[in-house]
N, C-alpha and C. Protein backbone atom coordinates (compact mmCIF):
# COMPACT_ATOMS: atom_id res chain seq x y z
N UNK A 1 107.24 36.16 92.72
CA UNK A 1 107.95 36.79 93.60
C UNK A 1 107.34 36.34 94.99
N UNK A 2 108.18 36.15 96.04
CA UNK A 2 107.85 35.64 97.34
C UNK A 2 107.64 36.91 98.16
N UNK A 3 106.44 37.22 98.86
CA UNK A 3 106.32 38.24 99.65
C UNK A 3 105.92 37.79 100.93
N UNK A 4 106.76 38.11 102.09
CA UNK A 4 106.70 37.77 103.57
C UNK A 4 105.78 38.82 104.14
N UNK A 5 104.51 38.21 104.46
CA UNK A 5 103.44 39.00 104.90
C UNK A 5 103.50 39.02 106.50
N UNK A 6 104.17 38.46 107.18
CA UNK A 6 104.41 38.46 108.57
C UNK A 6 103.69 37.19 109.21
N UNK A 7 103.64 36.82 110.35
CA UNK A 7 102.95 35.82 111.04
C UNK A 7 103.05 34.43 110.24
N UNK A 8 104.42 34.30 109.82
CA UNK A 8 104.68 33.16 108.91
C UNK A 8 104.07 32.77 107.58
N UNK A 9 103.49 34.03 107.13
CA UNK A 9 102.70 34.06 105.96
C UNK A 9 103.70 34.30 104.87
N UNK A 10 103.93 33.51 103.77
CA UNK A 10 104.68 33.96 102.63
C UNK A 10 103.92 33.54 101.45
N UNK A 11 103.80 34.51 100.53
CA UNK A 11 102.87 34.22 99.40
C UNK A 11 103.75 34.33 97.93
N UNK A 12 103.52 33.50 97.19
CA UNK A 12 104.17 33.50 95.87
C UNK A 12 103.12 34.58 95.29
N UNK A 13 103.67 35.66 94.63
CA UNK A 13 102.78 36.36 93.75
C UNK A 13 103.38 36.76 92.36
N UNK A 14 102.53 36.46 91.31
CA UNK A 14 103.05 36.77 90.04
C UNK A 14 102.75 38.15 89.61
N UNK A 15 103.53 38.97 89.89
CA UNK A 15 103.28 40.60 89.57
C UNK A 15 102.91 40.76 88.29
N UNK A 16 103.25 40.03 87.28
CA UNK A 16 102.88 40.10 85.96
C UNK A 16 101.38 39.81 85.68
N UNK A 17 100.70 39.13 86.58
CA UNK A 17 99.42 38.94 86.49
C UNK A 17 98.40 39.91 87.13
N UNK A 18 98.97 40.68 87.81
CA UNK A 18 98.23 41.94 88.75
C UNK A 18 97.71 42.76 87.74
N UNK A 19 96.47 43.28 87.74
CA UNK A 19 96.04 44.15 86.85
C UNK A 19 96.86 45.62 87.22
N UNK A 20 96.78 46.32 85.86
CA UNK A 20 97.75 47.55 85.92
C UNK A 20 97.44 48.39 87.03
N UNK A 21 96.11 48.51 87.39
CA UNK A 21 96.02 49.69 88.56
C UNK A 21 96.46 49.10 89.92
N UNK A 22 96.41 47.80 90.02
CA UNK A 22 96.84 47.03 91.34
C UNK A 22 98.30 47.27 91.41
N UNK A 23 98.90 46.83 90.35
CA UNK A 23 100.52 47.01 90.21
C UNK A 23 100.91 48.41 90.53
N UNK A 24 100.44 49.24 89.96
CA UNK A 24 100.66 50.73 90.17
C UNK A 24 100.41 51.24 91.50
N UNK A 25 99.34 50.58 92.08
CA UNK A 25 98.89 51.01 93.54
C UNK A 25 100.28 50.54 94.39
N UNK A 26 100.39 49.23 94.32
CA UNK A 26 101.56 48.44 95.00
C UNK A 26 102.78 49.22 94.96
N UNK A 27 103.32 49.65 93.89
CA UNK A 27 104.41 50.46 93.49
C UNK A 27 104.49 51.85 94.28
N UNK A 28 103.28 52.47 94.38
CA UNK A 28 103.28 53.64 94.81
C UNK A 28 103.18 53.53 96.33
N UNK A 29 102.63 52.61 96.89
CA UNK A 29 102.71 52.35 98.36
C UNK A 29 104.03 51.97 98.79
N UNK A 30 104.88 51.01 98.08
CA UNK A 30 106.08 50.52 98.34
C UNK A 30 107.13 51.70 98.32
N UNK A 31 106.98 52.52 97.16
CA UNK A 31 107.83 53.67 97.05
C UNK A 31 107.59 54.73 98.21
N UNK A 32 106.21 55.02 98.47
CA UNK A 32 106.20 56.03 99.53
C UNK A 32 106.84 55.37 100.73
N UNK A 33 106.60 54.20 101.12
CA UNK A 33 106.88 53.62 102.45
C UNK A 33 108.63 53.68 102.51
N UNK A 34 109.16 53.33 101.51
CA UNK A 34 110.73 53.46 101.50
C UNK A 34 111.02 54.76 101.40
N UNK A 35 110.53 55.72 100.71
CA UNK A 35 110.85 57.05 100.88
C UNK A 35 110.64 57.73 102.18
N UNK A 36 109.48 57.40 102.84
CA UNK A 36 109.03 57.88 104.11
C UNK A 36 110.27 57.40 105.24
N UNK A 37 110.44 56.29 104.98
CA UNK A 37 111.36 55.46 105.99
C UNK A 37 112.77 56.31 106.00
N UNK A 38 113.13 56.69 104.67
CA UNK A 38 114.61 57.35 104.47
C UNK A 38 114.82 58.54 105.48
N UNK A 39 113.53 59.48 105.51
CA UNK A 39 113.70 60.63 106.31
C UNK A 39 113.22 60.55 107.85
N UNK A 40 112.91 59.26 108.08
CA UNK A 40 112.27 59.20 109.37
C UNK A 40 113.22 59.66 110.56
N UNK A 41 114.51 59.65 110.39
CA UNK A 41 115.43 60.04 111.39
C UNK A 41 115.70 61.54 111.45
N UNK A 42 114.90 62.24 110.76
CA UNK A 42 115.16 63.75 110.64
C UNK A 42 113.97 64.18 111.70
N UNK A 43 114.61 64.71 112.91
CA UNK A 43 113.55 65.01 113.86
C UNK A 43 113.66 66.64 114.26
N UNK A 44 112.48 67.00 115.00
CA UNK A 44 112.58 68.33 115.39
C UNK A 44 113.63 68.74 116.62
N UNK A 45 114.02 67.48 117.17
CA UNK A 45 115.01 67.73 118.16
C UNK A 45 116.22 67.92 117.65
N UNK A 46 116.64 67.37 116.32
CA UNK A 46 117.82 67.60 115.62
C UNK A 46 117.73 68.76 114.71
N UNK A 47 116.58 69.19 114.23
CA UNK A 47 116.30 70.43 113.34
C UNK A 47 114.98 71.13 113.81
N UNK A 48 115.45 71.90 114.90
CA UNK A 48 114.24 72.56 115.44
C UNK A 48 113.50 73.69 114.31
N UNK A 49 114.26 74.11 113.65
CA UNK A 49 113.61 74.96 112.62
C UNK A 49 113.00 74.12 111.51
N UNK A 50 111.77 74.42 111.24
CA UNK A 50 110.97 73.58 110.44
C UNK A 50 111.36 73.71 108.82
N UNK A 51 111.90 74.75 108.39
CA UNK A 51 112.35 74.86 107.00
C UNK A 51 113.72 74.00 106.88
N UNK A 52 114.52 74.11 107.92
CA UNK A 52 115.87 73.22 108.02
C UNK A 52 115.41 71.76 107.94
N UNK A 53 114.45 71.47 108.80
CA UNK A 53 114.05 70.23 108.81
C UNK A 53 113.54 69.61 107.48
N UNK A 54 112.75 70.42 106.94
CA UNK A 54 112.09 69.85 105.64
C UNK A 54 113.31 69.79 104.48
N UNK A 55 114.18 70.80 104.64
CA UNK A 55 115.47 70.61 103.63
C UNK A 55 116.05 69.35 103.94
N UNK A 56 116.52 69.05 105.31
CA UNK A 56 117.44 67.86 105.48
C UNK A 56 116.38 66.64 105.08
N UNK A 57 115.00 66.62 105.37
CA UNK A 57 114.26 65.33 104.90
C UNK A 57 114.07 65.28 103.53
N UNK A 58 114.17 66.37 102.77
CA UNK A 58 114.08 66.30 101.18
C UNK A 58 115.53 65.70 100.77
N UNK A 59 116.42 66.19 101.32
CA UNK A 59 117.83 65.60 100.83
C UNK A 59 117.94 64.23 101.00
N UNK A 60 117.33 63.63 102.14
CA UNK A 60 117.45 62.27 102.44
C UNK A 60 116.47 61.52 101.37
N UNK A 61 115.34 62.06 101.05
CA UNK A 61 114.35 61.40 100.16
C UNK A 61 115.00 61.58 98.81
N UNK A 62 115.56 62.55 98.34
CA UNK A 62 116.47 62.71 97.03
C UNK A 62 117.53 61.69 96.93
N UNK A 63 118.30 61.45 97.96
CA UNK A 63 119.28 60.61 98.19
C UNK A 63 118.88 59.23 97.86
N UNK A 64 117.93 58.87 98.71
CA UNK A 64 117.30 57.48 98.58
C UNK A 64 116.65 57.14 97.18
N UNK A 65 116.08 57.96 96.78
CA UNK A 65 115.48 57.97 95.42
C UNK A 65 116.52 57.60 94.27
N UNK A 66 117.47 58.36 94.32
CA UNK A 66 118.91 58.19 93.40
C UNK A 66 119.57 56.93 93.64
N UNK A 67 119.46 56.33 94.81
CA UNK A 67 119.99 55.02 95.12
C UNK A 67 119.18 53.90 94.50
N UNK A 68 117.85 54.18 94.47
CA UNK A 68 116.86 53.29 93.86
C UNK A 68 117.01 53.23 92.49
N UNK A 69 117.24 54.54 91.86
CA UNK A 69 117.23 54.54 90.31
C UNK A 69 118.62 54.02 89.81
N UNK A 70 119.56 53.81 90.95
CA UNK A 70 120.91 53.13 90.50
C UNK A 70 120.61 51.50 90.64
N UNK A 71 119.66 51.26 91.12
CA UNK A 71 119.33 49.92 91.33
C UNK A 71 119.97 49.34 92.71
N UNK A 72 120.19 50.28 93.52
CA UNK A 72 120.66 49.92 94.95
C UNK A 72 119.56 49.72 95.76
N UNK A 73 119.37 48.55 96.51
CA UNK A 73 118.22 48.12 97.42
C UNK A 73 118.99 47.60 98.64
N UNK A 74 118.43 47.84 99.61
CA UNK A 74 118.85 47.30 100.95
C UNK A 74 118.09 46.05 101.36
N UNK A 75 118.68 45.04 101.78
CA UNK A 75 118.05 43.95 102.38
C UNK A 75 118.28 44.05 103.96
N UNK A 76 117.12 43.90 104.49
CA UNK A 76 117.40 43.88 106.03
C UNK A 76 118.04 42.61 106.49
N UNK A 77 119.05 42.68 107.48
CA UNK A 77 119.54 41.60 107.89
C UNK A 77 119.12 40.65 108.60
N UNK A 78 117.83 41.07 109.15
CA UNK A 78 116.93 40.13 109.83
C UNK A 78 116.25 39.12 109.03
N UNK A 79 116.18 39.45 107.69
CA UNK A 79 115.45 38.48 106.61
C UNK A 79 116.48 37.43 106.28
N UNK A 80 115.93 36.27 106.20
CA UNK A 80 116.80 35.09 105.74
C UNK A 80 116.73 34.75 104.30
N UNK A 81 117.88 34.63 103.55
CA UNK A 81 117.72 34.41 102.16
C UNK A 81 117.49 32.94 101.83
N UNK A 82 117.70 32.05 102.88
CA UNK A 82 117.39 30.85 102.66
C UNK A 82 115.97 30.38 103.19
N UNK A 83 115.13 29.96 102.30
CA UNK A 83 113.72 29.72 102.79
C UNK A 83 113.49 28.77 104.01
N UNK A 84 114.33 27.81 103.89
CA UNK A 84 114.50 26.68 104.97
C UNK A 84 114.83 27.16 106.20
N UNK A 85 115.95 27.98 106.19
CA UNK A 85 116.28 28.69 107.46
C UNK A 85 115.52 29.61 108.06
N UNK A 86 114.74 30.43 106.96
CA UNK A 86 113.75 31.24 107.48
C UNK A 86 112.68 30.62 108.24
N UNK A 87 112.05 29.54 107.53
CA UNK A 87 110.97 28.76 108.25
C UNK A 87 111.42 28.12 109.39
N UNK A 88 112.69 27.58 109.42
CA UNK A 88 113.22 27.08 110.72
C UNK A 88 113.09 28.16 111.96
N UNK A 89 113.47 29.31 111.55
CA UNK A 89 113.65 30.39 112.55
C UNK A 89 112.04 30.69 112.98
N UNK A 90 111.20 30.66 112.12
CA UNK A 90 109.88 30.94 112.50
C UNK A 90 109.17 30.04 113.51
N UNK A 91 109.44 28.45 113.13
CA UNK A 91 109.12 27.37 113.91
C UNK A 91 109.78 27.62 115.35
N UNK A 92 111.11 27.81 115.43
CA UNK A 92 111.83 28.04 116.70
C UNK A 92 111.28 29.01 117.49
N UNK A 93 111.05 30.07 116.74
CA UNK A 93 110.72 31.28 117.63
C UNK A 93 109.23 31.17 118.11
N UNK A 94 108.48 30.49 117.45
CA UNK A 94 106.92 29.88 117.88
C UNK A 94 107.25 29.03 119.03
N UNK A 95 108.16 28.14 119.03
CA UNK A 95 108.30 27.21 120.26
C UNK A 95 108.73 27.97 121.28
N UNK A 96 109.64 28.92 121.21
CA UNK A 96 109.98 29.83 122.31
C UNK A 96 109.09 30.62 123.01
N UNK A 97 108.17 31.25 122.02
CA UNK A 97 107.08 31.97 122.49
C UNK A 97 106.05 31.27 123.28
N UNK A 98 105.72 30.00 122.73
CA UNK A 98 104.80 29.17 123.46
C UNK A 98 105.26 28.87 124.91
N UNK A 99 106.64 28.60 124.97
CA UNK A 99 107.28 28.38 126.16
C UNK A 99 107.18 29.37 127.25
N UNK A 100 107.45 30.74 126.50
CA UNK A 100 107.52 32.10 127.37
C UNK A 100 105.99 32.26 127.91
N UNK A 101 104.99 32.01 127.15
CA UNK A 101 103.58 31.91 127.43
C UNK A 101 103.21 31.17 128.67
N UNK A 102 103.66 29.96 128.54
CA UNK A 102 103.44 29.01 129.52
C UNK A 102 104.05 29.17 130.75
N UNK A 103 105.14 29.89 130.69
CA UNK A 103 105.90 30.42 131.98
C UNK A 103 105.22 31.59 132.65
N UNK A 104 104.28 32.18 132.01
CA UNK A 104 103.50 33.48 132.41
C UNK A 104 104.07 34.43 131.86
N UNK A 105 105.21 34.63 130.72
CA UNK A 105 105.81 35.93 130.53
C UNK A 105 104.80 36.40 129.30
N UNK A 106 104.80 37.69 129.28
CA UNK A 106 104.48 38.37 128.02
C UNK A 106 105.26 38.37 127.11
N UNK A 107 105.04 38.04 125.76
CA UNK A 107 105.94 38.12 124.59
C UNK A 107 106.52 39.54 124.22
N UNK A 108 105.55 40.50 124.63
CA UNK A 108 105.83 41.92 124.20
C UNK A 108 106.89 42.36 125.29
N UNK A 109 107.17 41.78 126.38
CA UNK A 109 108.05 42.22 127.32
C UNK A 109 109.48 41.59 127.26
N UNK A 110 109.53 40.68 126.17
CA UNK A 110 110.83 40.16 125.66
C UNK A 110 111.46 40.66 124.36
N UNK A 111 112.68 40.96 124.49
CA UNK A 111 113.46 41.63 123.32
C UNK A 111 113.35 40.92 122.19
N UNK A 112 112.79 41.19 121.11
CA UNK A 112 112.62 40.38 119.98
C UNK A 112 114.19 39.69 119.41
N UNK A 113 115.10 40.51 119.59
CA UNK A 113 116.38 40.17 119.13
C UNK A 113 116.72 38.78 120.36
N UNK A 114 116.43 38.97 121.43
CA UNK A 114 116.87 37.71 122.31
C UNK A 114 115.98 36.41 121.90
N UNK A 115 114.81 36.71 121.34
CA UNK A 115 113.89 35.43 120.86
C UNK A 115 114.67 34.91 119.56
N UNK A 116 114.95 35.94 118.66
CA UNK A 116 115.71 35.40 117.37
C UNK A 116 117.06 34.66 117.75
N UNK A 117 117.79 35.25 118.78
CA UNK A 117 119.23 34.51 119.20
C UNK A 117 118.58 33.19 119.76
N UNK A 118 117.78 33.30 120.66
CA UNK A 118 117.38 31.94 121.29
C UNK A 118 116.84 30.86 120.22
N UNK A 119 116.08 31.41 119.16
CA UNK A 119 115.56 30.52 118.12
C UNK A 119 116.74 29.79 117.31
N UNK A 120 117.89 30.63 117.10
CA UNK A 120 118.99 30.17 116.51
C UNK A 120 119.60 29.03 117.28
N UNK A 121 119.76 29.12 118.64
CA UNK A 121 120.46 28.12 119.33
C UNK A 121 119.45 26.95 119.57
N UNK A 122 118.12 27.12 119.53
CA UNK A 122 117.08 26.09 119.51
C UNK A 122 117.47 25.20 118.26
N UNK A 123 117.64 25.93 117.20
CA UNK A 123 117.71 25.17 115.76
C UNK A 123 119.07 24.38 115.89
N UNK A 124 120.16 24.97 116.61
CA UNK A 124 121.25 24.14 116.42
C UNK A 124 121.25 22.85 117.48
N UNK A 125 120.36 22.97 118.39
CA UNK A 125 120.31 21.82 119.25
C UNK A 125 119.25 20.84 118.87
N UNK A 126 118.17 21.24 118.12
CA UNK A 126 117.12 20.51 117.60
C UNK A 126 117.13 20.16 116.11
N UNK A 127 117.62 19.31 115.50
CA UNK A 127 117.63 19.04 114.13
C UNK A 127 116.31 18.80 113.46
N UNK A 128 115.28 18.36 114.37
CA UNK A 128 113.83 18.20 113.99
C UNK A 128 113.09 19.39 113.43
N UNK A 129 113.73 20.50 114.03
CA UNK A 129 113.13 21.84 113.57
C UNK A 129 113.44 22.22 112.20
N UNK A 130 114.61 21.94 111.64
CA UNK A 130 115.05 22.05 110.33
C UNK A 130 114.30 21.07 109.57
N UNK A 131 114.14 19.90 109.75
CA UNK A 131 113.48 18.94 109.01
C UNK A 131 111.92 19.40 108.80
N UNK A 132 111.37 19.80 109.94
CA UNK A 132 109.99 20.31 109.75
C UNK A 132 110.12 21.45 108.80
N UNK A 133 111.17 22.25 108.81
CA UNK A 133 111.12 23.49 107.86
C UNK A 133 111.09 23.18 106.41
N UNK A 134 112.22 22.08 106.18
CA UNK A 134 112.23 21.53 104.88
C UNK A 134 110.75 21.07 104.45
N UNK A 135 110.15 20.32 105.24
CA UNK A 135 108.86 19.77 104.63
C UNK A 135 108.02 20.79 104.67
N UNK A 136 107.79 21.91 105.19
CA UNK A 136 106.93 22.96 105.02
C UNK A 136 107.21 23.72 103.78
N UNK A 137 108.57 23.91 103.52
CA UNK A 137 108.75 24.86 102.29
C UNK A 137 108.61 23.77 101.06
N UNK A 138 108.95 22.62 101.17
CA UNK A 138 108.50 21.68 100.06
C UNK A 138 107.06 21.84 99.64
N UNK A 139 106.27 21.62 100.78
CA UNK A 139 104.89 21.68 100.75
C UNK A 139 104.47 22.85 100.09
N UNK A 140 104.94 24.11 100.37
CA UNK A 140 104.61 25.25 99.89
C UNK A 140 104.93 25.34 98.35
N UNK A 141 105.98 24.81 98.04
CA UNK A 141 106.52 25.02 96.70
C UNK A 141 105.72 23.87 95.72
N UNK A 142 105.19 22.82 96.34
CA UNK A 142 104.41 21.83 95.65
C UNK A 142 102.81 22.31 95.58
N UNK A 143 102.61 23.32 96.27
CA UNK A 143 101.09 23.71 96.51
C UNK A 143 100.71 24.22 95.13
N UNK A 144 99.78 23.97 94.40
CA UNK A 144 99.22 24.47 93.15
C UNK A 144 97.95 24.93 93.34
N UNK A 145 97.62 26.12 93.05
CA UNK A 145 96.29 26.52 93.17
C UNK A 145 95.73 27.20 91.91
N UNK A 146 94.66 27.03 91.34
CA UNK A 146 94.06 27.54 90.25
C UNK A 146 93.24 28.61 90.58
N UNK A 147 93.71 29.93 90.61
CA UNK A 147 93.32 31.13 90.96
C UNK A 147 91.91 31.43 90.17
N UNK A 148 91.64 30.75 88.88
CA UNK A 148 90.40 31.18 88.30
C UNK A 148 89.26 30.68 88.99
N UNK A 149 89.61 29.34 89.57
CA UNK A 149 88.61 28.68 90.34
C UNK A 149 88.08 29.62 91.57
N UNK A 150 88.92 30.23 91.89
CA UNK A 150 88.69 31.11 93.44
C UNK A 150 88.44 32.58 93.02
N UNK A 151 87.89 32.67 91.59
CA UNK A 151 87.68 34.08 91.37
C UNK A 151 88.57 35.18 91.31
N UNK A 152 89.77 34.73 91.17
CA UNK A 152 91.01 35.62 91.13
C UNK A 152 91.67 35.59 89.62
């Protein structure tokens, strides 16, 4: 399974090779985060009464858990299903961020959506970005690491 860790780090993880305790911990953290996110929109502004707020939040958690049990998962639209396209977007975004820094702008002051849109345009204009992305993806796929030599 590929896990996107952010900052252009994508790891291939054999979840079957994880020790049982580590796998159970990962599942617990993942479920906790998914279920916490499911009720994040329930606020004190919307539900000033604490018991009503708790009931509304519980209903959202129950609904999300039921959807998970049916096998329904939501994939965020910002994630790319194509690893080459995703890598090209990372490369292009890095190029744009470097240009912004060179211009004296803080990245935090620029809307991330605007950076993604600009990255898409840059990929369309510069075919070498996709070629670099193809090479990186091929390199990652070809990389073979004997984890036993690393103590894992």
